[in-house]
């Protein structure tokens, strides 16, 4: 059971969902792993940087970017770094000029606050 848990914890959230659908017993992620996924997802979907969700895009539109942000959580130690991470990740997915650091500053602050509030970062 511990090796299954370690494997499930190490893979991305989206992979864990696919595994769960194939074998529901494997999906035994600790509560902190689920929170780690939920916090960035909520912040990013509320932000909706390009207005895609408001325009009718599917709710999973930003899942790739959210997964990349989740991987950055251990390195986020300030709102500034959170803003840089958001800017870097979303600039690589969209036009680089459309999401500079200044545009991502507010969402970076919200992301850092949400992660801190949930005890997911030091």
N, C-alpha and C. Protein backbone atom coordinates (compact mmCIF):
# COMPACT_ATOMS: atom_id res chain seq x y z
N UNK A 1 0.81 -1.19 0.00
CA UNK A 1 0.00 0.00 0.00
C UNK A 1 0.86 1.26 0.00
N UNK A 2 1.97 1.25 0.75
CA UNK A 2 2.81 2.43 0.80
C UNK A 2 3.45 2.74 -0.54
N UNK A 3 3.86 1.72 -1.28
CA UNK A 3 4.46 1.99 -2.58
C UNK A 3 3.42 2.54 -3.54
N UNK A 4 2.20 2.05 -3.48
CA UNK A 4 1.13 2.59 -4.32
C UNK A 4 0.87 4.04 -3.97
N UNK A 5 0.86 4.36 -2.69
CA UNK A 5 0.64 5.73 -2.25
C UNK A 5 1.77 6.63 -2.71
N UNK A 6 3.00 6.18 -2.61
CA UNK A 6 4.15 6.98 -3.06
C UNK A 6 4.08 7.25 -4.55
N UNK A 7 3.72 6.26 -5.31
CA UNK A 7 3.60 6.43 -6.76
C UNK A 7 2.49 7.41 -7.08
N UNK A 8 1.33 7.25 -6.46
CA UNK A 8 0.20 8.14 -6.72
C UNK A 8 0.50 9.57 -6.32
N UNK A 9 1.26 9.74 -5.26
CA UNK A 9 1.60 11.09 -4.80
C UNK A 9 2.58 11.75 -5.75
N UNK A 10 3.46 10.98 -6.35
CA UNK A 10 4.50 11.53 -7.23
C UNK A 10 3.98 11.94 -8.60
N UNK A 11 2.91 11.38 -9.05
CA UNK A 11 2.40 11.71 -10.38
C UNK A 11 1.49 12.93 -10.31
N UNK A 12 1.21 13.48 -11.45
CA UNK A 12 0.36 14.67 -11.48
C UNK A 12 -1.07 14.32 -11.14
N UNK A 13 -1.80 15.34 -10.77
CA UNK A 13 -3.20 15.18 -10.40
C UNK A 13 -4.01 14.57 -11.55
N UNK A 14 -3.76 15.02 -12.75
CA UNK A 14 -4.53 14.51 -13.89
C UNK A 14 -4.25 13.03 -14.13
N UNK A 15 -3.01 12.63 -13.95
CA UNK A 15 -2.68 11.21 -14.06
C UNK A 15 -3.37 10.41 -12.97
N UNK A 16 -3.43 10.97 -11.77
CA UNK A 16 -4.08 10.29 -10.66
C UNK A 16 -5.57 10.07 -10.95
N UNK A 17 -6.20 11.05 -11.57
CA UNK A 17 -7.61 10.89 -11.92
C UNK A 17 -7.78 9.76 -12.93
N UNK A 18 -6.90 9.71 -13.94
CA UNK A 18 -6.98 8.65 -14.94
C UNK A 18 -6.78 7.28 -14.30
N UNK A 19 -5.83 7.20 -13.37
CA UNK A 19 -5.60 5.93 -12.68
C UNK A 19 -6.81 5.56 -11.83
N UNK A 20 -7.38 6.55 -11.18
CA UNK A 20 -8.56 6.30 -10.35
C UNK A 20 -9.71 5.73 -11.18
N UNK A 21 -9.90 6.29 -12.35
CA UNK A 21 -10.99 5.80 -13.20
C UNK A 21 -10.74 4.35 -13.61
N UNK A 22 -9.47 3.99 -13.80
CA UNK A 22 -9.14 2.63 -14.19
C UNK A 22 -9.16 1.67 -13.00
N UNK A 23 -8.77 2.17 -11.83
CA UNK A 23 -8.69 1.33 -10.63
C UNK A 23 -8.92 2.21 -9.40
N UNK A 24 -10.16 2.36 -8.95
CA UNK A 24 -10.48 3.28 -7.85
C UNK A 24 -9.71 3.03 -6.56
N UNK A 25 -9.24 1.84 -6.31
CA UNK A 25 -8.51 1.56 -5.05
C UNK A 25 -7.16 2.26 -4.99
N UNK A 26 -6.56 2.55 -6.15
CA UNK A 26 -5.25 3.19 -6.17
C UNK A 26 -5.35 4.64 -5.72
N UNK A 27 -6.47 5.28 -5.97
CA UNK A 27 -6.61 6.70 -5.66
C UNK A 27 -6.75 6.89 -4.16
N UNK A 28 -5.62 6.98 -3.50
CA UNK A 28 -5.59 7.12 -2.06
C UNK A 28 -4.62 8.23 -1.69
N UNK A 29 -4.75 9.38 -2.38
CA UNK A 29 -3.85 10.49 -2.13
C UNK A 29 -4.13 11.09 -0.76
N UNK A 30 -3.08 11.50 -0.05
CA UNK A 30 -3.30 12.17 1.22
C UNK A 30 -4.04 13.48 1.03
N UNK A 31 -4.69 13.94 2.06
CA UNK A 31 -5.48 15.16 2.01
C UNK A 31 -4.63 16.36 1.54
N UNK A 32 -3.38 16.46 1.97
CA UNK A 32 -2.55 17.60 1.56
C UNK A 32 -2.29 17.59 0.06
N UNK A 33 -2.19 16.44 -0.56
CA UNK A 33 -1.99 16.38 -2.01
C UNK A 33 -3.21 16.89 -2.73
N UNK A 34 -4.40 16.55 -2.23
CA UNK A 34 -5.62 17.04 -2.85
C UNK A 34 -5.75 18.55 -2.67
N UNK A 35 -5.40 19.07 -1.50
CA UNK A 35 -5.43 20.51 -1.27
C UNK A 35 -4.43 21.21 -2.17
N UNK A 36 -3.26 20.59 -2.33
CA UNK A 36 -2.21 21.17 -3.16
C UNK A 36 -2.70 21.38 -4.58
N UNK A 37 -3.56 20.51 -5.06
CA UNK A 37 -4.12 20.65 -6.41
C UNK A 37 -5.25 21.67 -6.43
N UNK A 38 -6.10 21.66 -5.40
CA UNK A 38 -7.30 22.48 -5.40
C UNK A 38 -7.00 23.96 -5.29
N UNK A 39 -6.03 24.35 -4.49
CA UNK A 39 -5.75 25.78 -4.29
C UNK A 39 -5.33 26.48 -5.58
N UNK A 40 -4.31 26.02 -6.30
CA UNK A 40 -3.96 26.70 -7.55
C UNK A 40 -5.09 26.64 -8.57
N UNK A 41 -5.79 25.54 -8.63
CA UNK A 41 -6.89 25.41 -9.61
C UNK A 41 -7.95 26.47 -9.37
N UNK A 42 -8.35 26.64 -8.12
CA UNK A 42 -9.36 27.64 -7.81
C UNK A 42 -8.91 29.05 -8.12
N UNK A 43 -7.67 29.36 -7.77
CA UNK A 43 -7.14 30.70 -8.02
C UNK A 43 -7.06 30.97 -9.52
N UNK A 44 -6.53 30.04 -10.27
CA UNK A 44 -6.36 30.24 -11.72
C UNK A 44 -7.70 30.29 -12.43
N UNK A 45 -8.61 29.41 -12.08
CA UNK A 45 -9.92 29.43 -12.75
C UNK A 45 -10.70 30.69 -12.44
N UNK A 46 -10.54 31.23 -11.24
CA UNK A 46 -11.19 32.50 -10.91
C UNK A 46 -10.55 33.64 -11.69
N UNK A 47 -9.24 33.60 -11.82
CA UNK A 47 -8.50 34.62 -12.57
C UNK A 47 -8.88 34.58 -14.05
N UNK A 48 -8.96 33.38 -14.64
CA UNK A 48 -9.34 33.19 -16.05
C UNK A 48 -8.58 34.17 -16.96
N UNK A 49 -7.26 34.02 -17.08
CA UNK A 49 -6.40 35.04 -17.69
C UNK A 49 -6.79 35.52 -19.08
N UNK A 50 -7.28 34.68 -19.91
CA UNK A 50 -7.65 35.09 -21.26
C UNK A 50 -9.16 35.18 -21.44
N UNK A 51 -9.92 35.03 -20.36
CA UNK A 51 -11.37 35.06 -20.45
C UNK A 51 -11.95 33.84 -21.16
N UNK A 52 -11.16 32.77 -21.20
CA UNK A 52 -11.60 31.57 -21.93
C UNK A 52 -12.76 30.87 -21.24
N UNK A 53 -12.68 30.74 -19.92
CA UNK A 53 -13.77 30.07 -19.20
C UNK A 53 -15.06 30.88 -19.29
N UNK A 54 -14.93 32.19 -19.16
CA UNK A 54 -16.10 33.06 -19.29
C UNK A 54 -16.70 32.97 -20.69
N UNK A 55 -15.86 32.67 -21.66
CA UNK A 55 -16.31 32.55 -23.05
C UNK A 55 -16.85 31.17 -23.40
N UNK A 56 -16.90 30.26 -22.42
CA UNK A 56 -17.49 28.95 -22.67
C UNK A 56 -16.50 27.81 -22.81
N UNK A 57 -15.22 28.06 -22.58
CA UNK A 57 -14.23 26.98 -22.67
C UNK A 57 -14.49 25.96 -21.55
N UNK A 58 -14.09 24.71 -21.74
CA UNK A 58 -14.31 23.70 -20.70
C UNK A 58 -13.52 24.02 -19.44
N UNK A 59 -14.01 23.56 -18.31
CA UNK A 59 -13.41 23.86 -17.01
C UNK A 59 -11.96 23.35 -16.92
N UNK A 60 -11.61 22.36 -17.72
CA UNK A 60 -10.24 21.83 -17.67
C UNK A 60 -9.28 22.58 -18.61
N UNK A 61 -9.69 23.72 -19.11
CA UNK A 61 -8.90 24.50 -20.06
C UNK A 61 -7.47 24.79 -19.57
N UNK A 62 -7.32 25.05 -18.28
CA UNK A 62 -6.02 25.43 -17.74
C UNK A 62 -5.36 24.30 -16.95
N UNK A 63 -5.82 23.08 -17.10
CA UNK A 63 -5.28 21.98 -16.30
C UNK A 63 -3.77 21.77 -16.50
N UNK A 64 -3.29 21.94 -17.71
CA UNK A 64 -1.85 21.77 -17.98
C UNK A 64 -1.05 22.83 -17.21
N UNK A 65 -1.52 24.07 -17.26
CA UNK A 65 -0.83 25.15 -16.56
C UNK A 65 -0.94 24.97 -15.03
N UNK A 66 -2.10 24.52 -14.57
CA UNK A 66 -2.30 24.28 -13.14
C UNK A 66 -1.34 23.19 -12.66
N UNK A 67 -1.21 22.12 -13.44
CA UNK A 67 -0.29 21.04 -13.08
C UNK A 67 1.15 21.56 -13.00
N UNK A 68 1.52 22.45 -13.91
CA UNK A 68 2.85 23.04 -13.87
C UNK A 68 3.03 23.91 -12.62
N UNK A 69 1.99 24.65 -12.26
CA UNK A 69 2.06 25.46 -11.03
C UNK A 69 2.18 24.59 -9.79
N UNK A 70 1.44 23.50 -9.76
CA UNK A 70 1.50 22.59 -8.61
C UNK A 70 2.93 22.07 -8.44
N UNK A 71 3.59 21.78 -9.55
CA UNK A 71 4.97 21.29 -9.48
C UNK A 71 5.90 22.36 -8.91
N UNK A 72 5.52 23.63 -9.02
CA UNK A 72 6.34 24.74 -8.53
C UNK A 72 6.12 25.05 -7.05
N UNK A 73 5.08 24.49 -6.43
CA UNK A 73 4.74 24.84 -5.05
C UNK A 73 5.92 24.73 -4.09
N UNK A 74 6.73 23.69 -4.14
CA UNK A 74 7.86 23.63 -3.20
C UNK A 74 8.85 24.78 -3.34
N UNK A 75 8.86 25.44 -4.49
CA UNK A 75 9.79 26.54 -4.74
C UNK A 75 9.18 27.91 -4.47
N UNK A 76 7.89 27.96 -4.19
CA UNK A 76 7.22 29.25 -3.96
C UNK A 76 7.40 29.65 -2.50
N UNK A 77 8.14 30.74 -2.30
CA UNK A 77 8.41 31.22 -0.95
C UNK A 77 7.97 32.67 -0.77
N UNK A 78 7.37 33.25 -1.81
CA UNK A 78 6.90 34.63 -1.71
C UNK A 78 5.85 34.87 -2.79
N UNK A 79 5.11 35.96 -2.63
CA UNK A 79 4.12 36.34 -3.63
C UNK A 79 4.81 36.71 -4.94
N UNK A 80 6.00 37.27 -4.84
CA UNK A 80 6.76 37.65 -6.04
C UNK A 80 7.13 36.39 -6.83
N UNK A 81 7.61 35.36 -6.13
CA UNK A 81 7.96 34.14 -6.86
C UNK A 81 6.71 33.49 -7.45
N UNK A 82 5.61 33.52 -6.72
CA UNK A 82 4.35 32.96 -7.25
C UNK A 82 3.96 33.70 -8.53
N UNK A 83 4.11 35.02 -8.53
CA UNK A 83 3.80 35.82 -9.72
C UNK A 83 4.71 35.46 -10.88
N UNK A 84 5.99 35.27 -10.60
CA UNK A 84 6.94 34.87 -11.64
C UNK A 84 6.56 33.50 -12.21
N UNK A 85 6.19 32.57 -11.35
CA UNK A 85 5.82 31.23 -11.81
C UNK A 85 4.59 31.29 -12.71
N UNK A 86 3.58 32.05 -12.29
CA UNK A 86 2.36 32.19 -13.10
C UNK A 86 2.71 32.82 -14.44
N UNK A 87 3.49 33.89 -14.43
CA UNK A 87 3.85 34.58 -15.66
C UNK A 87 4.62 33.66 -16.61
N UNK A 88 5.60 32.95 -16.07
CA UNK A 88 6.42 32.05 -16.89
C UNK A 88 5.58 30.93 -17.51
N UNK A 89 4.75 30.31 -16.69
CA UNK A 89 3.95 29.17 -17.16
C UNK A 89 2.91 29.61 -18.18
N UNK A 90 2.18 30.68 -17.89
CA UNK A 90 1.14 31.11 -18.81
C UNK A 90 1.70 31.79 -20.05
N UNK A 91 2.85 32.43 -19.94
CA UNK A 91 3.47 33.02 -21.13
C UNK A 91 3.92 31.95 -22.11
N UNK A 92 4.30 30.79 -21.59
CA UNK A 92 4.71 29.72 -22.50
C UNK A 92 3.51 29.07 -23.18
N UNK A 93 2.34 29.21 -22.58
CA UNK A 93 1.13 28.63 -23.17
C UNK A 93 0.40 29.60 -24.10
N UNK A 94 0.51 30.88 -23.80
CA UNK A 94 -0.15 31.92 -24.59
C UNK A 94 0.92 32.82 -25.18
N UNK A 95 0.53 33.93 -25.73
CA UNK A 95 1.50 34.87 -26.27
C UNK A 95 2.36 35.41 -25.13
N UNK A 96 3.65 35.35 -25.30
CA UNK A 96 4.57 35.74 -24.23
C UNK A 96 4.35 37.18 -23.76
N UNK A 97 4.03 38.07 -24.65
CA UNK A 97 3.86 39.48 -24.29
C UNK A 97 2.55 39.73 -23.54
N UNK A 98 1.60 38.82 -23.62
CA UNK A 98 0.28 39.07 -23.05
C UNK A 98 0.21 38.89 -21.54
N UNK A 99 1.16 38.18 -20.94
CA UNK A 99 1.11 37.93 -19.50
C UNK A 99 2.45 38.19 -18.83
N UNK A 100 2.91 39.45 -18.88
CA UNK A 100 4.17 39.77 -18.20
C UNK A 100 3.98 39.72 -16.68
N UNK A 101 5.06 39.82 -15.98
CA UNK A 101 5.06 39.76 -14.53
C UNK A 101 4.06 40.73 -13.91
N UNK A 102 3.99 41.94 -14.44
CA UNK A 102 3.10 42.96 -13.88
C UNK A 102 1.63 42.53 -13.94
N UNK A 103 1.26 41.87 -15.01
CA UNK A 103 -0.12 41.40 -15.17
C UNK A 103 -0.42 40.26 -14.21
N UNK A 104 0.58 39.47 -13.88
CA UNK A 104 0.40 38.30 -13.01
C UNK A 104 0.62 38.61 -11.53
N UNK A 105 0.94 39.83 -11.21
CA UNK A 105 1.25 40.20 -9.83
C UNK A 105 0.08 39.93 -8.87
N UNK A 106 -1.09 40.35 -9.24
CA UNK A 106 -2.25 40.19 -8.34
C UNK A 106 -2.61 38.72 -8.15
N UNK A 107 -2.60 37.94 -9.23
CA UNK A 107 -2.93 36.51 -9.10
C UNK A 107 -1.83 35.79 -8.33
N UNK A 108 -0.59 36.24 -8.48
CA UNK A 108 0.51 35.66 -7.70
C UNK A 108 0.31 35.89 -6.21
N UNK A 109 -0.14 37.08 -5.85
CA UNK A 109 -0.43 37.39 -4.45
C UNK A 109 -1.56 36.50 -3.92
N UNK A 110 -2.61 36.34 -4.72
CA UNK A 110 -3.74 35.49 -4.30
C UNK A 110 -3.31 34.03 -4.18
N UNK A 111 -2.49 33.57 -5.12
CA UNK A 111 -2.01 32.19 -5.07
C UNK A 111 -1.15 31.96 -3.83
N UNK A 112 -0.23 32.87 -3.57
CA UNK A 112 0.63 32.74 -2.39
C UNK A 112 -0.20 32.76 -1.11
N UNK A 113 -1.17 33.65 -1.03
CA UNK A 113 -2.03 33.74 0.15
C UNK A 113 -2.82 32.44 0.36
N UNK A 114 -3.37 31.89 -0.74
CA UNK A 114 -4.15 30.66 -0.64
C UNK A 114 -3.28 29.49 -0.20
N UNK A 115 -2.10 29.39 -0.77
CA UNK A 115 -1.18 28.30 -0.39
C UNK A 115 -0.72 28.44 1.06
N UNK A 116 -0.43 29.67 1.48
CA UNK A 116 -0.02 29.92 2.88
C UNK A 116 -1.15 29.60 3.84
N UNK A 117 -2.34 30.05 3.50
CA UNK A 117 -3.50 29.82 4.37
C UNK A 117 -3.77 28.33 4.59
N UNK A 118 -3.55 27.55 3.58
CA UNK A 118 -3.78 26.10 3.67
C UNK A 118 -2.58 25.36 4.24
N UNK A 119 -1.51 26.07 4.55
CA UNK A 119 -0.33 25.44 5.12
C UNK A 119 0.46 24.60 4.13
N UNK A 120 0.34 24.93 2.85
CA UNK A 120 1.01 24.14 1.82
C UNK A 120 2.41 24.63 1.51
N UNK A 121 2.76 25.81 2.02
CA UNK A 121 4.12 26.32 1.85
C UNK A 121 4.60 26.85 3.19
N UNK A 122 5.92 26.96 3.32
CA UNK A 122 6.51 27.45 4.57
C UNK A 122 6.51 28.95 4.62
